[in-house]
Protein backbone atom coordinates (compact mmCIF):
# COMPACT_ATOMS: atom_id res chain seq x y z
CA MET A 1 129.07 70.86 -80.31
CA THR A 2 133.03 70.19 -80.91
CA VAL A 3 134.93 69.80 -77.75
CA HIS A 4 138.66 70.38 -77.87
CA VAL A 5 140.35 68.68 -74.50
CA VAL A 6 144.04 69.65 -73.14
CA LEU A 7 145.16 67.55 -70.22
CA PHE A 8 148.17 68.26 -69.50
CA ARG A 9 151.10 68.22 -66.05
CA PRO A 10 153.35 71.25 -65.32
CA ARG A 11 157.03 71.29 -65.92
CA PRO A 12 158.90 71.34 -62.32
CA GLY A 13 160.17 74.29 -61.42
CA LEU A 14 157.24 76.56 -62.96
CA ASP A 15 157.04 79.54 -60.76
CA ASP A 16 154.37 81.61 -60.17
CA ALA A 17 154.65 84.63 -62.85
CA GLU A 18 154.74 81.69 -65.43
CA ARG A 19 151.62 80.30 -64.05
CA ASP A 20 149.93 83.55 -64.18
CA ALA A 21 151.06 84.54 -67.84
CA LEU A 22 149.75 81.10 -68.62
CA LEU A 23 146.47 81.69 -67.19
CA GLU A 24 146.16 84.91 -68.26
CA ALA A 25 146.94 83.75 -72.08
CA MET A 26 144.18 81.46 -71.47
CA ARG A 27 141.56 84.04 -69.94
CA THR A 28 142.50 86.72 -73.47
CA ALA A 29 142.07 83.63 -75.97
CA ALA A 30 138.02 82.20 -73.69
CA ARG A 31 137.01 85.93 -74.05
CA ASP A 32 138.90 87.56 -77.69
CA ILE A 33 138.80 84.41 -79.77
CA PRO A 34 134.82 84.67 -81.15
CA SER A 35 134.23 80.75 -81.88
CA VAL A 36 135.32 79.82 -78.38
CA ARG A 37 131.88 78.76 -76.55
CA ARG A 38 132.94 78.05 -73.49
CA PHE A 39 136.59 77.45 -71.84
CA ARG A 40 136.92 75.85 -68.66
CA ILE A 41 140.27 74.66 -66.74
CA GLY A 42 140.15 72.10 -63.67
CA GLU A 43 142.29 70.06 -61.45
CA HIS A 44 142.33 66.10 -60.82
CA VAL A 45 140.56 64.96 -57.89
CA ALA A 46 142.80 64.55 -55.00
CA ASP A 47 141.85 61.35 -53.70
CA PRO A 48 140.70 59.70 -56.91
CA PRO A 49 137.85 56.58 -57.04
CA ALA A 50 138.68 53.40 -57.02
CA TYR A 51 137.90 52.58 -60.60
CA VAL A 52 140.58 54.64 -61.91
CA LEU A 53 143.16 52.56 -63.60
CA GLY A 54 147.12 53.06 -61.77
CA GLY A 55 150.26 53.17 -63.99
CA PHE A 56 149.05 55.99 -66.52
CA PRO A 57 151.24 59.30 -66.86
CA SER A 58 149.43 61.34 -64.71
CA PHE A 59 148.20 64.93 -66.14
CA PRO A 60 146.52 67.05 -63.22
CA PHE A 61 145.30 69.64 -64.69
CA VAL A 62 142.65 69.78 -67.67
CA ALA A 63 141.09 72.60 -69.99
CA LEU A 64 137.79 71.77 -71.88
CA LEU A 65 137.06 74.41 -74.77
CA GLU A 66 133.69 73.99 -76.72
CA PHE A 67 132.89 75.17 -79.90
CA ASP A 68 129.88 75.17 -82.00
CA ASP A 69 131.17 73.08 -84.61
CA GLU A 70 134.82 71.97 -86.30
CA PRO A 71 135.16 74.90 -88.45
CA GLY A 72 134.62 76.83 -85.24
CA LEU A 73 137.58 74.98 -83.75
CA ARG A 74 139.41 75.35 -86.53
CA ALA A 75 139.18 79.19 -86.41
CA TYR A 76 140.45 79.13 -82.74
CA LEU A 77 143.33 77.22 -83.79
CA ALA A 78 144.27 79.78 -86.10
CA HIS A 79 143.60 82.61 -84.35
CA PRO A 80 146.76 84.77 -83.14
CA LEU A 81 145.66 84.28 -79.51
CA HIS A 82 145.79 80.70 -79.84
CA ALA A 83 149.27 81.19 -81.23
CA ALA A 84 150.31 83.39 -78.37
CA LEU A 85 148.82 80.62 -76.05
CA GLY A 86 150.49 77.87 -77.12
CA ALA A 87 154.12 79.50 -76.80
CA ARG A 88 152.85 80.17 -73.16
CA PHE A 89 151.20 76.22 -72.91
CA ASN A 90 154.80 75.47 -74.43
CA ALA A 91 156.90 76.85 -72.17
CA ALA A 92 155.10 76.00 -69.00
CA ALA A 93 154.11 72.02 -69.53
CA GLU A 94 155.96 69.37 -69.14
CA ALA A 95 153.42 66.83 -71.17
CA ALA A 96 150.34 67.07 -72.89
CA LEU A 97 147.81 65.50 -74.39
CA ILE A 98 145.85 66.98 -76.33
CA TYR A 99 142.23 65.42 -78.32
CA ASP A 100 139.39 66.52 -80.08
CA TYR A 101 135.82 65.29 -80.08
CA VAL A 102 132.42 65.84 -81.70
CA LEU A 103 129.62 65.34 -79.98
CA SER A 104 126.62 63.78 -81.04
CA GLY A 105 124.35 64.83 -78.38
CA ASP A 106 123.05 64.18 -74.58
CA VAL A 107 122.72 60.04 -73.31
CA ARG A 108 119.17 60.39 -71.26
């Protein structure tokens, strides 16, 4: 499995209409790009545990996208709906970190 991890911070003053348009672009990409196996978004824990290191920039939101493999990720990145999502994302985000990982399996 390959995972696309997006940590992001919305720009100050992002209004409800812009936020809703970004969420709709995410829903559309999740539904209509065939290689996407799972697309989840989440918000940072309001009261982080003591082990969280301070002094780093805050990224209050995360998007996690799962693909069967790296070719699936590349197909997603090349898809026109990803271009539309990227344009909305870039207009809405103040800052972001984006990483891709190949998961080797469960640890039990």
